[in-house]
Amino acid sequence: MSTPFSRPGAVDLSALKRSAPPAGGPAGSAGAGAPAGAGTGSYSIELDEQNIQSALEGSMTAPVLLVVYSPSRSAASARLADDLDTLADEFEGRFLLGKVDVDAQPQLAQMLQVPSVPLVAIVLQGRLQPLFQDAPTIEQLRDELTQLFQQLATQGMTGRHQPQTMPAETDDEGEPQVDPRYAPAQDALEAGDIDTAVAEYQKLVDANPADAEAAGGLAMAKVLQRTSTMDPAAARAAAAEHPDDVDAQSLVADLDLLGGHVEDAFNRLIDLVRRTAGEERDRARTHLIGLFGAVGNEDPRVLKARQLLASALF
């Protein structure tokens, strides 16, 4: 699989977004539910000229994978689409799979500048980057995608799409039910047992690095863990006295985050990234990315801070 972040071969999809007819309803997003479609899986849709715009908009907050296939010309490409459909459910919304059947949608394939089938590409923030043009086995695909989304997670890209075909379950009073996978961690938090909550979330992340909700829960639990025995006044005094101390500034950023001053927390660490270099800069950046995960990748404050961080780094 080729590296998804190399710019050669990337396609700017902004023109396609403008030319595509609007979907029948409001455009979807990872935070509010992505576009509905005809996909067979919970996290996949069959793309056409009517829903492609919504799918691209979903890529602004969580990755979209496109698989272009032709049942009539390539049985291997059809198998690839089915395998990715299966993996989309396994990765539980870490990506939305958009399937393009060139037999049924030749104009869409032309708009996407598809050279041949099969083709798998990733779309991040509206930009398409080809990944591969063969049909690996499902085991190879699983390994490659795990590595890809681990790489994205290290860059703070942990957004997740909502299921396309399954409504959220509610209890008898209409309240959303807690996913049982997260119940041990959430029960521990409610009981004030932060260390257990961290351990429970860590188990989920280790089992499935693509589980964005578990990663976000782990990030927030770690913030609570770091600040649980802290003297806020002493921490702020230390940060004021040592403006370039990464540990001191990071602890106050944690305090700001817990106090609801999210942008203050982000800006404190972005300014620190600008002032530091080498290992210290990397530690400040890593801590900031952890706070992004705690707040949620789809949050507009996170999106703005990412732009500021990129400016500070480059």
Protein backbone atom coordinates (compact mmCIF):
# COMPACT_ATOMS: atom_id res chain seq x y z
CA MET A 1 0.00 0.00 0.00
CA SER A 2 1.40 3.41 -0.89
CA THR A 3 1.76 6.16 1.69
CA PRO A 4 -1.51 8.11 1.81
CA PHE A 5 0.08 11.46 2.59
CA SER A 6 2.42 11.88 -0.36
CA ARG A 7 1.10 14.71 -2.46
CA PRO A 8 1.90 13.36 -5.96
CA GLY A 9 -1.28 11.93 -7.37
CA ALA A 10 -3.59 13.66 -4.91
CA VAL A 11 -6.78 15.00 -6.43
CA ASP A 12 -8.50 18.16 -5.18
CA LEU A 13 -12.18 17.26 -4.95
CA SER A 14 -13.48 20.77 -4.32
CA ALA A 15 -14.71 21.11 -7.91
CA LEU A 16 -16.49 17.78 -7.67
CA LYS A 17 -18.18 18.92 -4.48
CA ARG A 18 -19.44 22.02 -6.22
CA SER A 19 -20.67 20.20 -9.29
CA ALA A 20 -22.41 17.32 -7.52
CA PRO A 21 -26.14 17.81 -7.04
CA PRO A 22 -27.18 18.31 -3.43
CA ALA A 23 -28.32 15.26 -1.50
CA GLY A 24 -31.93 14.77 -0.64
CA GLY A 25 -31.37 15.88 2.95
CA PRO A 26 -28.85 17.80 5.02
CA ALA A 27 -25.23 16.94 4.40
CA GLY A 28 -23.88 14.41 6.84
CA SER A 29 -20.75 14.47 8.94
CA ALA A 30 -18.93 12.17 11.28
CA GLY A 31 -20.34 13.97 14.24
CA ALA A 32 -23.95 14.22 13.15
CA GLY A 33 -24.35 11.15 10.99
CA ALA A 34 -23.03 10.70 7.50
CA PRO A 35 -25.12 10.40 4.35
CA ALA A 36 -27.56 7.57 4.04
CA GLY A 37 -27.12 5.27 1.09
CA ALA A 38 -27.64 1.80 -0.25
CA GLY A 39 -24.58 0.14 1.26
CA THR A 40 -25.04 -3.26 2.83
CA GLY A 41 -22.83 -2.57 5.85
CA SER A 42 -23.36 -0.26 8.76
CA TYR A 43 -20.48 1.95 7.65
CA SER A 44 -20.68 1.76 3.87
CA ILE A 45 -22.74 3.29 1.10
CA GLU A 46 -23.11 2.90 -2.63
CA LEU A 47 -22.12 6.25 -4.08
CA ASP A 48 -23.89 8.11 -6.86
CA GLU A 49 -23.99 11.68 -8.09
CA GLN A 50 -26.64 12.54 -5.51
CA ASN A 51 -24.84 11.43 -2.33
CA ILE A 52 -21.16 11.91 -3.26
CA GLN A 53 -21.20 15.47 -1.91
CA SER A 54 -22.31 14.36 1.54
CA ALA A 55 -19.69 11.62 1.59
CA LEU A 56 -16.95 14.12 0.77
CA GLU A 57 -18.15 16.46 3.48
CA GLY A 58 -17.90 13.55 5.93
CA SER A 59 -14.18 13.34 5.12
CA MET A 60 -13.63 16.69 6.82
CA THR A 61 -13.91 15.03 10.23
CA ALA A 62 -13.18 11.33 9.62
CA PRO A 63 -11.60 9.43 6.73
CA VAL A 64 -13.59 8.15 3.78
CA LEU A 65 -12.33 5.17 1.78
CA LEU A 66 -13.42 4.87 -1.82
CA VAL A 67 -13.42 1.53 -3.60
CA VAL A 68 -14.06 1.59 -7.34
CA TYR A 69 -15.10 -1.74 -8.81
CA SER A 70 -16.81 -3.39 -11.77
CA PRO A 71 -18.75 -6.64 -11.27
CA SER A 72 -18.92 -7.20 -15.04
CA ARG A 73 -15.24 -6.61 -15.80
CA SER A 74 -13.42 -7.73 -12.66
CA ALA A 75 -14.67 -10.32 -10.20
CA ALA A 76 -11.64 -9.57 -8.05
CA SER A 77 -12.70 -5.93 -7.73
CA ALA A 78 -16.20 -6.98 -6.62
CA ARG A 79 -14.67 -9.27 -4.00
CA LEU A 80 -12.48 -6.39 -2.85
CA ALA A 81 -15.55 -4.20 -2.38
CA ASP A 82 -17.23 -6.94 -0.33
CA ASP A 83 -14.13 -7.43 1.83
CA LEU A 84 -13.86 -3.70 2.52
CA ASP A 85 -17.56 -3.71 3.38
CA THR A 86 -16.81 -6.34 6.04
CA LEU A 87 -13.80 -4.42 7.35
CA ALA A 88 -15.73 -1.16 7.53
CA ASP A 89 -17.96 -2.79 10.15
CA GLU A 90 -14.94 -4.26 11.95
CA PHE A 91 -13.35 -0.82 12.20
CA GLU A 92 -16.63 0.50 13.64
CA GLY A 93 -16.79 3.82 11.85
CA ARG A 94 -13.11 4.67 11.81
CA PHE A 95 -13.77 5.13 8.11
CA LEU A 96 -16.82 5.39 5.91
CA LEU A 97 -16.62 3.14 2.85
CA GLY A 98 -17.94 4.68 -0.35
CA LYS A 99 -18.44 2.10 -3.10
CA VAL A 100 -18.41 3.19 -6.73
CA ASP A 101 -19.78 0.63 -9.20
CA VAL A 102 -18.45 1.90 -12.52
CA ASP A 103 -20.99 -0.22 -14.40
CA ALA A 104 -23.84 1.60 -12.68
CA GLN A 105 -22.11 4.99 -12.27
CA PRO A 106 -19.81 5.59 -15.28
CA GLN A 107 -20.16 9.38 -15.00
CA LEU A 108 -19.12 9.32 -11.36
CA ALA A 109 -16.07 7.23 -12.20
CA GLN A 110 -15.17 9.79 -14.86
CA MET A 111 -15.59 12.67 -12.39
CA LEU A 112 -13.26 10.91 -9.95
CA GLN A 113 -10.66 10.42 -12.73
CA VAL A 114 -10.56 6.65 -12.18
CA PRO A 115 -7.80 5.14 -14.38
CA SER A 116 -8.79 1.49 -13.91
CA VAL A 117 -10.47 -0.97 -11.57
CA PRO A 118 -10.03 -1.94 -8.90
CA LEU A 119 -8.99 1.27 -7.17
CA VAL A 120 -8.95 2.08 -3.47
CA ALA A 121 -8.36 5.65 -2.32
CA ILE A 122 -8.61 7.59 0.91
CA VAL A 123 -10.25 10.99 1.21
CA LEU A 124 -9.09 13.28 4.03
CA GLN A 125 -10.58 16.73 4.38
CA GLY A 126 -11.85 16.69 0.82
CA ARG A 127 -8.62 15.54 -0.82
CA LEU A 128 -8.34 12.16 -2.51
CA GLN A 129 -5.15 10.10 -2.42
CA PRO A 130 -4.93 6.73 -4.23
CA LEU A 131 -3.83 3.86 -1.98
CA PHE A 132 -3.62 0.81 -4.25
CA GLN A 133 -4.91 -0.64 -7.50
CA ASP A 134 -4.91 -4.35 -6.81
CA ALA A 135 -7.12 -6.70 -4.78
CA PRO A 136 -5.28 -7.94 -1.67
CA THR A 137 -6.76 -10.64 0.52
CA ILE A 138 -8.98 -9.57 3.39
CA GLU A 139 -6.21 -10.47 5.85
CA GLN A 140 -3.75 -8.22 4.02
CA LEU A 141 -6.35 -5.46 3.87
CA ARG A 142 -6.99 -5.72 7.60
CA ASP A 143 -3.27 -5.43 8.40
CA GLU A 144 -2.74 -2.53 6.00
CA LEU A 145 -5.75 -0.59 7.27
CA THR A 146 -4.77 -1.15 10.90
CA GLN A 147 -1.36 0.34 10.20
CA LEU A 148 -2.90 3.22 8.28
CA PHE A 149 -5.32 4.20 11.03
CA GLN A 150 -2.69 3.81 13.71
CA GLN A 151 -0.63 6.30 11.73
CA LEU A 152 -3.60 8.66 11.49
CA ALA A 153 -4.29 8.29 15.20
CA THR A 154 -0.74 9.40 16.04
CA GLN A 155 -1.56 12.60 14.16
CA GLY A 156 -4.69 13.08 16.21
CA MET A 157 -7.10 12.03 13.47
CA THR A 158 -9.48 9.96 15.57
CA GLY A 159 -12.90 11.02 14.29
CA ARG A 160 -15.46 8.33 13.64
CA HIS A 161 -18.51 8.05 11.40
CA GLN A 162 -21.91 7.12 12.71
CA PRO A 163 -23.57 3.89 11.48
CA GLN A 164 -25.45 4.34 8.24
CA THR A 165 -28.15 1.74 8.71
CA MET A 166 -28.57 1.15 12.44
CA PRO A 167 -30.49 3.59 14.67
CA ALA A 168 -29.15 4.26 18.13
CA GLU A 169 -30.66 2.02 20.77
CA THR A 170 -32.57 3.67 23.61
CA ASP A 171 -33.92 2.46 26.90
CA ASP A 172 -37.58 2.44 27.95
CA GLU A 173 -37.42 6.17 28.73
CA GLY A 174 -35.93 7.05 25.34
CA GLU A 175 -32.42 7.66 26.67
CA PRO A 176 -29.47 6.39 24.61
CA GLN A 177 -28.12 3.10 25.90
CA VAL A 178 -24.47 2.86 26.88
CA ASP A 179 -22.47 0.59 24.61
CA PRO A 180 -21.61 -2.37 26.88
CA ARG A 181 -17.99 -2.26 25.75
CA TYR A 182 -17.53 1.10 27.46
CA ALA A 183 -19.62 0.34 30.55
CA PRO A 184 -16.71 -0.85 32.78
CA ALA A 185 -14.71 2.31 32.10
CA GLN A 186 -17.71 4.61 32.52
CA ASP A 187 -18.78 2.83 35.71
CA ALA A 188 -15.26 3.30 37.07
CA LEU A 189 -15.36 7.01 36.27
CA GLU A 190 -18.71 7.40 38.00
CA ALA A 191 -17.24 5.65 41.05
CA GLY A 192 -14.24 7.99 41.01
CA ASP A 193 -11.83 5.13 40.21
CA ILE A 194 -9.84 6.90 37.52
CA ASP A 195 -7.00 4.38 37.38
CA THR A 196 -9.42 1.57 36.59
CA ALA A 197 -11.13 3.70 33.95
CA VAL A 198 -7.77 4.33 32.27
CA ALA A 199 -6.99 0.61 32.35
CA GLU A 200 -10.40 -0.33 30.90
CA TYR A 201 -10.17 2.20 28.07
CA GLN A 202 -6.60 1.08 27.38
CA LYS A 203 -7.82 -2.51 26.94
CA LEU A 204 -10.32 -1.34 24.33
CA VAL A 205 -7.73 0.71 22.45
CA ASP A 206 -5.22 -2.16 22.51
CA ALA A 207 -7.89 -4.52 21.14
CA ASN A 208 -9.01 -2.09 18.43
CA PRO A 209 -6.78 0.94 17.73
CA ALA A 210 -9.44 2.20 15.31
CA ASP A 211 -12.01 2.60 18.11
CA ALA A 212 -12.15 6.40 18.22
CA GLU A 213 -14.62 6.52 21.10
CA ALA A 214 -12.35 4.38 23.28
CA ALA A 215 -9.33 6.48 22.28
CA GLY A 216 -11.18 9.66 23.19
CA GLY A 217 -12.33 8.18 26.49
CA LEU A 218 -8.77 7.10 27.27
CA ALA A 219 -7.44 10.57 26.51
CA MET A 220 -9.96 12.24 28.82
CA ALA A 221 -9.43 9.65 31.57
CA LYS A 222 -5.70 10.35 31.42
CA VAL A 223 -6.38 14.07 31.81
CA LEU A 224 -8.39 13.28 34.93
CA GLN A 225 -5.64 10.97 36.15
CA ARG A 226 -2.92 13.59 35.70
CA THR A 227 -4.88 16.28 37.51
CA SER A 228 -6.41 14.15 40.30
CA THR A 229 -3.72 14.98 42.89
CA MET A 230 -2.69 18.36 41.52
CA ASP A 231 -2.74 21.64 43.46
CA PRO A 232 -4.18 23.99 40.81
CA ALA A 233 -2.73 27.15 42.34
CA ALA A 234 0.74 25.63 42.62
CA ALA A 235 0.54 24.27 39.08
CA ARG A 236 -0.37 27.66 37.65
CA ALA A 237 2.36 29.37 39.64
CA ALA A 238 4.94 26.87 38.34
CA ALA A 239 3.77 27.43 34.76
CA ALA A 240 4.03 31.19 35.15
CA GLU A 241 7.54 30.88 36.56
CA HIS A 242 8.71 28.41 33.90
CA PRO A 243 7.00 29.36 30.62
CA ASP A 244 9.04 26.91 28.54
CA ASP A 245 8.71 23.92 30.87
CA VAL A 246 6.68 21.34 28.93
CA ASP A 247 5.48 19.46 32.01
CA ALA A 248 4.36 22.61 33.79
CA GLN A 249 2.55 24.03 30.76
CA SER A 250 0.94 20.67 29.96
CA LEU A 251 -0.52 20.35 33.45
CA VAL A 252 -2.09 23.79 33.25
CA ALA A 253 -3.43 22.96 29.79
CA ASP A 254 -5.09 19.92 31.41
CA LEU A 255 -6.61 22.18 34.06
CA ASP A 256 -7.87 24.62 31.43
CA LEU A 257 -9.45 21.76 29.50
CA LEU A 258 -11.26 20.39 32.54
CA GLY A 259 -12.42 23.89 33.42
CA GLY A 260 -14.04 24.28 30.01
CA HIS A 261 -11.39 26.66 28.67
CA VAL A 262 -10.63 24.44 25.70
CA GLU A 263 -9.19 27.07 23.41
CA ASP A 264 -6.96 28.39 26.20
CA ALA A 265 -5.59 24.89 26.70
CA PHE A 266 -4.91 24.46 22.99
CA ASN A 267 -3.36 27.90 22.56
CA ARG A 268 -1.07 27.42 25.55
CA LEU A 269 0.46 24.33 23.99
CA ILE A 270 0.54 25.73 20.45
CA ASP A 271 2.50 28.73 21.75
CA LEU A 272 4.81 26.30 23.53
CA VAL A 273 5.37 24.41 20.27
CA ARG A 274 6.39 27.69 18.64
CA ARG A 275 8.92 28.46 21.40
CA THR A 276 10.52 25.03 21.72
CA ALA A 277 12.47 22.66 19.51
CA GLY A 278 13.57 19.05 19.28
CA GLU A 279 12.33 16.64 21.94
CA GLU A 280 10.63 19.37 23.97
CA ARG A 281 8.62 20.50 20.98
CA ASP A 282 7.63 16.93 20.19
CA ARG A 283 6.45 16.36 23.77
CA ALA A 284 4.33 19.50 23.65
CA ARG A 285 2.85 18.47 20.31
CA THR A 286 2.09 14.95 21.54
CA HIS A 287 0.34 16.27 24.64
CA LEU A 288 -1.71 18.63 22.51
CA ILE A 289 -2.79 15.82 20.19
CA GLY A 290 -3.88 13.88 23.26
CA LEU A 291 -6.10 16.79 24.26
CA PHE A 292 -7.54 16.84 20.74
CA GLY A 293 -8.60 13.25 21.29
CA ALA A 294 -10.16 14.08 24.64
CA VAL A 295 -12.27 16.86 23.13
CA GLY A 296 -13.17 15.00 19.93
CA ASN A 297 -11.75 15.24 16.44
CA GLU A 298 -14.98 16.64 15.00
CA ASP A 299 -15.09 19.57 17.42
CA PRO A 300 -14.63 22.88 15.53
CA ARG A 301 -12.18 24.08 18.18
CA VAL A 302 -10.02 21.06 17.42
CA LEU A 303 -10.18 21.70 13.69
CA LYS A 304 -9.10 25.31 14.22
CA ALA A 305 -6.31 24.29 16.60
CA ARG A 306 -5.01 21.75 14.08
CA GLN A 307 -4.54 24.54 11.56
CA LEU A 308 -2.72 26.65 14.15
CA LEU A 309 -0.53 23.69 15.13
CA ALA A 310 0.41 23.05 11.51
CA SER A 311 1.37 26.71 11.18
CA ALA A 312 3.45 26.52 14.35
CA LEU A 313 5.26 23.41 13.17
CA PHE A 314 5.94 24.49 9.60
